[in-house]
Amino acid sequence: MPKLKSHSSAKKRFSFTGSGKVKSTQAYKRHRMRNRSQQQIRDLRGTTVIEKAEWATIKKLLPYG
């Protein structure tokens, strides 16, 4: 059976933790930052774990993740 291709944009956006969870960068951090509080901006730093309901979709896009 041939190798499966990984989805190119998903490779750039998602990664996996050691236990198999899916993580990505926080949303709502690109523009309109002046409308947000400093506390909200700080809370949006770093990465977050994606909800479990979305894991199956992402794992289809990244079969070797």
N, C-alpha and C. Protein backbone atom coordinates (compact mmCIF):
# COMPACT_ATOMS: atom_id res chain seq x y z
N MET A 1 0.84 -1.18 0.00
CA MET A 1 0.00 0.00 0.00
C MET A 1 0.89 1.25 0.00
N PRO A 2 0.57 2.25 -0.82
CA PRO A 2 1.43 3.44 -0.89
C PRO A 2 1.34 4.28 0.38
N LYS A 3 2.34 5.13 0.54
CA LYS A 3 2.33 6.04 1.69
C LYS A 3 1.21 7.07 1.52
N LEU A 4 0.67 7.52 2.65
CA LEU A 4 -0.35 8.56 2.63
C LEU A 4 0.34 9.92 2.70
N LYS A 5 -0.22 10.90 2.02
CA LYS A 5 0.34 12.25 2.08
C LYS A 5 -0.28 13.01 3.25
N SER A 6 0.56 13.78 3.92
CA SER A 6 0.07 14.65 4.98
C SER A 6 -0.44 15.94 4.36
N HIS A 7 -1.45 16.53 4.97
CA HIS A 7 -2.01 17.78 4.50
C HIS A 7 -1.04 18.91 4.81
N SER A 8 -0.60 19.64 3.78
CA SER A 8 0.49 20.61 3.94
C SER A 8 0.17 21.73 4.91
N SER A 9 -1.04 22.26 4.86
CA SER A 9 -1.37 23.36 5.76
C SER A 9 -1.55 22.86 7.19
N ALA A 10 -2.02 21.64 7.37
CA ALA A 10 -2.19 21.08 8.70
C ALA A 10 -0.82 20.83 9.36
N LYS A 11 0.19 20.48 8.55
CA LYS A 11 1.53 20.27 9.09
C LYS A 11 2.05 21.53 9.75
N LYS A 12 1.69 22.69 9.17
CA LYS A 12 2.18 23.96 9.68
C LYS A 12 1.41 24.42 10.91
N ARG A 13 0.19 23.94 11.10
CA ARG A 13 -0.68 24.47 12.14
C ARG A 13 -0.81 23.60 13.38
N PHE A 14 -0.63 22.30 13.24
CA PHE A 14 -0.88 21.39 14.36
C PHE A 14 0.36 20.55 14.65
N SER A 15 0.50 20.16 15.92
CA SER A 15 1.53 19.21 16.30
C SER A 15 0.94 18.34 17.40
N PHE A 16 1.66 17.30 17.76
CA PHE A 16 1.15 16.34 18.74
C PHE A 16 2.01 16.36 19.99
N THR A 17 1.37 16.17 21.13
CA THR A 17 2.10 16.04 22.38
C THR A 17 2.60 14.61 22.50
N GLY A 18 3.38 14.34 23.51
CA GLY A 18 3.90 13.00 23.71
C GLY A 18 2.82 11.98 23.99
N SER A 19 1.71 12.42 24.58
CA SER A 19 0.62 11.49 24.90
C SER A 19 -0.38 11.36 23.77
N GLY A 20 -0.15 12.08 22.63
CA GLY A 20 -1.01 11.92 21.47
C GLY A 20 -2.08 12.98 21.32
N LYS A 21 -2.12 13.96 22.21
CA LYS A 21 -3.08 15.05 22.07
C LYS A 21 -2.62 15.98 20.96
N VAL A 22 -3.56 16.76 20.42
CA VAL A 22 -3.25 17.69 19.33
C VAL A 22 -3.15 19.09 19.92
N LYS A 23 -2.09 19.80 19.55
CA LYS A 23 -1.94 21.17 20.04
C LYS A 23 -1.71 22.13 18.89
N SER A 24 -2.07 23.40 19.10
CA SER A 24 -1.86 24.44 18.10
C SER A 24 -1.73 25.77 18.82
N THR A 25 -1.40 26.81 18.04
CA THR A 25 -1.28 28.13 18.64
C THR A 25 -2.67 28.67 18.97
N GLN A 26 -2.70 29.64 19.87
CA GLN A 26 -3.95 30.24 20.29
C GLN A 26 -4.55 31.07 19.16
N ALA A 27 -5.87 31.09 19.08
CA ALA A 27 -6.57 31.92 18.10
C ALA A 27 -6.78 33.32 18.68
N TYR A 28 -7.28 34.24 17.85
CA TYR A 28 -7.63 35.61 18.25
C TYR A 28 -6.41 36.44 18.66
N LYS A 29 -5.29 36.23 17.99
CA LYS A 29 -4.09 36.97 18.35
C LYS A 29 -3.49 37.69 17.14
N ARG A 30 -4.22 37.83 16.03
CA ARG A 30 -3.64 38.36 14.81
C ARG A 30 -3.83 39.86 14.64
N HIS A 31 -5.02 40.37 14.89
CA HIS A 31 -5.27 41.80 14.70
C HIS A 31 -6.35 42.24 15.67
N ARG A 32 -6.62 43.54 15.69
CA ARG A 32 -7.56 44.15 16.64
C ARG A 32 -7.14 43.93 18.08
N MET A 33 -5.87 43.99 18.33
CA MET A 33 -5.39 43.74 19.70
C MET A 33 -5.69 44.91 20.62
N ARG A 34 -5.90 46.10 20.07
CA ARG A 34 -6.16 47.26 20.93
C ARG A 34 -7.52 47.15 21.62
N ASN A 35 -8.41 46.31 21.09
CA ASN A 35 -9.72 46.14 21.71
C ASN A 35 -9.69 45.13 22.85
N ARG A 36 -8.57 44.46 23.06
CA ARG A 36 -8.49 43.42 24.08
C ARG A 36 -7.72 43.94 25.29
N SER A 37 -8.01 43.37 26.43
CA SER A 37 -7.29 43.75 27.64
C SER A 37 -5.91 43.09 27.65
N GLN A 38 -5.01 43.65 28.43
CA GLN A 38 -3.68 43.08 28.54
C GLN A 38 -3.74 41.68 29.13
N GLN A 39 -4.67 41.45 30.04
CA GLN A 39 -4.83 40.12 30.63
C GLN A 39 -5.23 39.11 29.55
N GLN A 40 -6.13 39.49 28.67
CA GLN A 40 -6.56 38.59 27.60
C GLN A 40 -5.42 38.31 26.63
N ILE A 41 -4.63 39.34 26.32
CA ILE A 41 -3.49 39.16 25.42
C ILE A 41 -2.48 38.21 26.03
N ARG A 42 -2.21 38.34 27.32
CA ARG A 42 -1.27 37.43 27.99
C ARG A 42 -1.80 36.00 27.99
N ASP A 43 -3.10 35.85 28.21
CA ASP A 43 -3.69 34.51 28.25
C ASP A 43 -3.65 33.80 26.90
N LEU A 44 -3.54 34.57 25.81
CA LEU A 44 -3.54 33.99 24.47
C LEU A 44 -2.14 33.60 24.00
N ARG A 45 -1.12 33.78 24.83
CA ARG A 45 0.23 33.39 24.43
C ARG A 45 0.37 31.87 24.38
N GLY A 46 1.35 31.42 23.63
CA GLY A 46 1.70 30.01 23.64
C GLY A 46 0.74 29.13 22.85
N THR A 47 0.64 27.88 23.28
CA THR A 47 -0.17 26.90 22.56
C THR A 47 -1.31 26.42 23.44
N THR A 48 -2.26 25.74 22.81
CA THR A 48 -3.38 25.17 23.53
C THR A 48 -3.67 23.78 22.96
N VAL A 49 -4.31 22.94 23.75
CA VAL A 49 -4.70 21.61 23.29
C VAL A 49 -6.06 21.71 22.62
N ILE A 50 -6.17 21.12 21.44
CA ILE A 50 -7.41 21.15 20.67
C ILE A 50 -8.45 20.25 21.34
N GLU A 51 -9.73 20.63 21.21
CA GLU A 51 -10.81 19.84 21.78
C GLU A 51 -10.81 18.43 21.19
N LYS A 52 -11.19 17.48 22.01
CA LYS A 52 -11.13 16.07 21.61
C LYS A 52 -12.03 15.76 20.42
N ALA A 53 -13.13 16.52 20.26
CA ALA A 53 -14.05 16.30 19.15
C ALA A 53 -13.39 16.54 17.80
N GLU A 54 -12.34 17.35 17.75
CA GLU A 54 -11.66 17.68 16.51
C GLU A 54 -10.48 16.75 16.20
N TRP A 55 -10.07 15.94 17.15
CA TRP A 55 -8.87 15.10 16.98
C TRP A 55 -8.97 14.19 15.77
N ALA A 56 -10.12 13.56 15.56
CA ALA A 56 -10.26 12.59 14.47
C ALA A 56 -10.04 13.26 13.12
N THR A 57 -10.57 14.47 12.96
CA THR A 57 -10.40 15.21 11.70
C THR A 57 -8.94 15.52 11.46
N ILE A 58 -8.26 15.99 12.49
CA ILE A 58 -6.86 16.39 12.34
C ILE A 58 -5.98 15.17 12.12
N LYS A 59 -6.28 14.07 12.76
CA LYS A 59 -5.47 12.87 12.58
C LYS A 59 -5.64 12.26 11.18
N LYS A 60 -6.78 12.54 10.53
CA LYS A 60 -6.93 12.14 9.13
C LYS A 60 -6.01 12.97 8.24
N LEU A 61 -5.87 14.25 8.56
CA LEU A 61 -5.02 15.13 7.77
C LEU A 61 -3.55 14.84 7.99
N LEU A 62 -3.21 14.35 9.18
CA LEU A 62 -1.82 14.05 9.53
C LEU A 62 -1.71 12.58 9.94
N PRO A 63 -1.70 11.67 8.99
CA PRO A 63 -1.78 10.25 9.32
C PRO A 63 -0.56 9.72 10.08
N TYR A 64 0.59 10.40 9.98
CA TYR A 64 1.79 9.89 10.66
C TYR A 64 2.15 10.74 11.87
N GLY A 65 1.18 11.45 12.42
CA GLY A 65 1.44 12.35 13.54
C GLY A 65 1.58 11.65 14.85
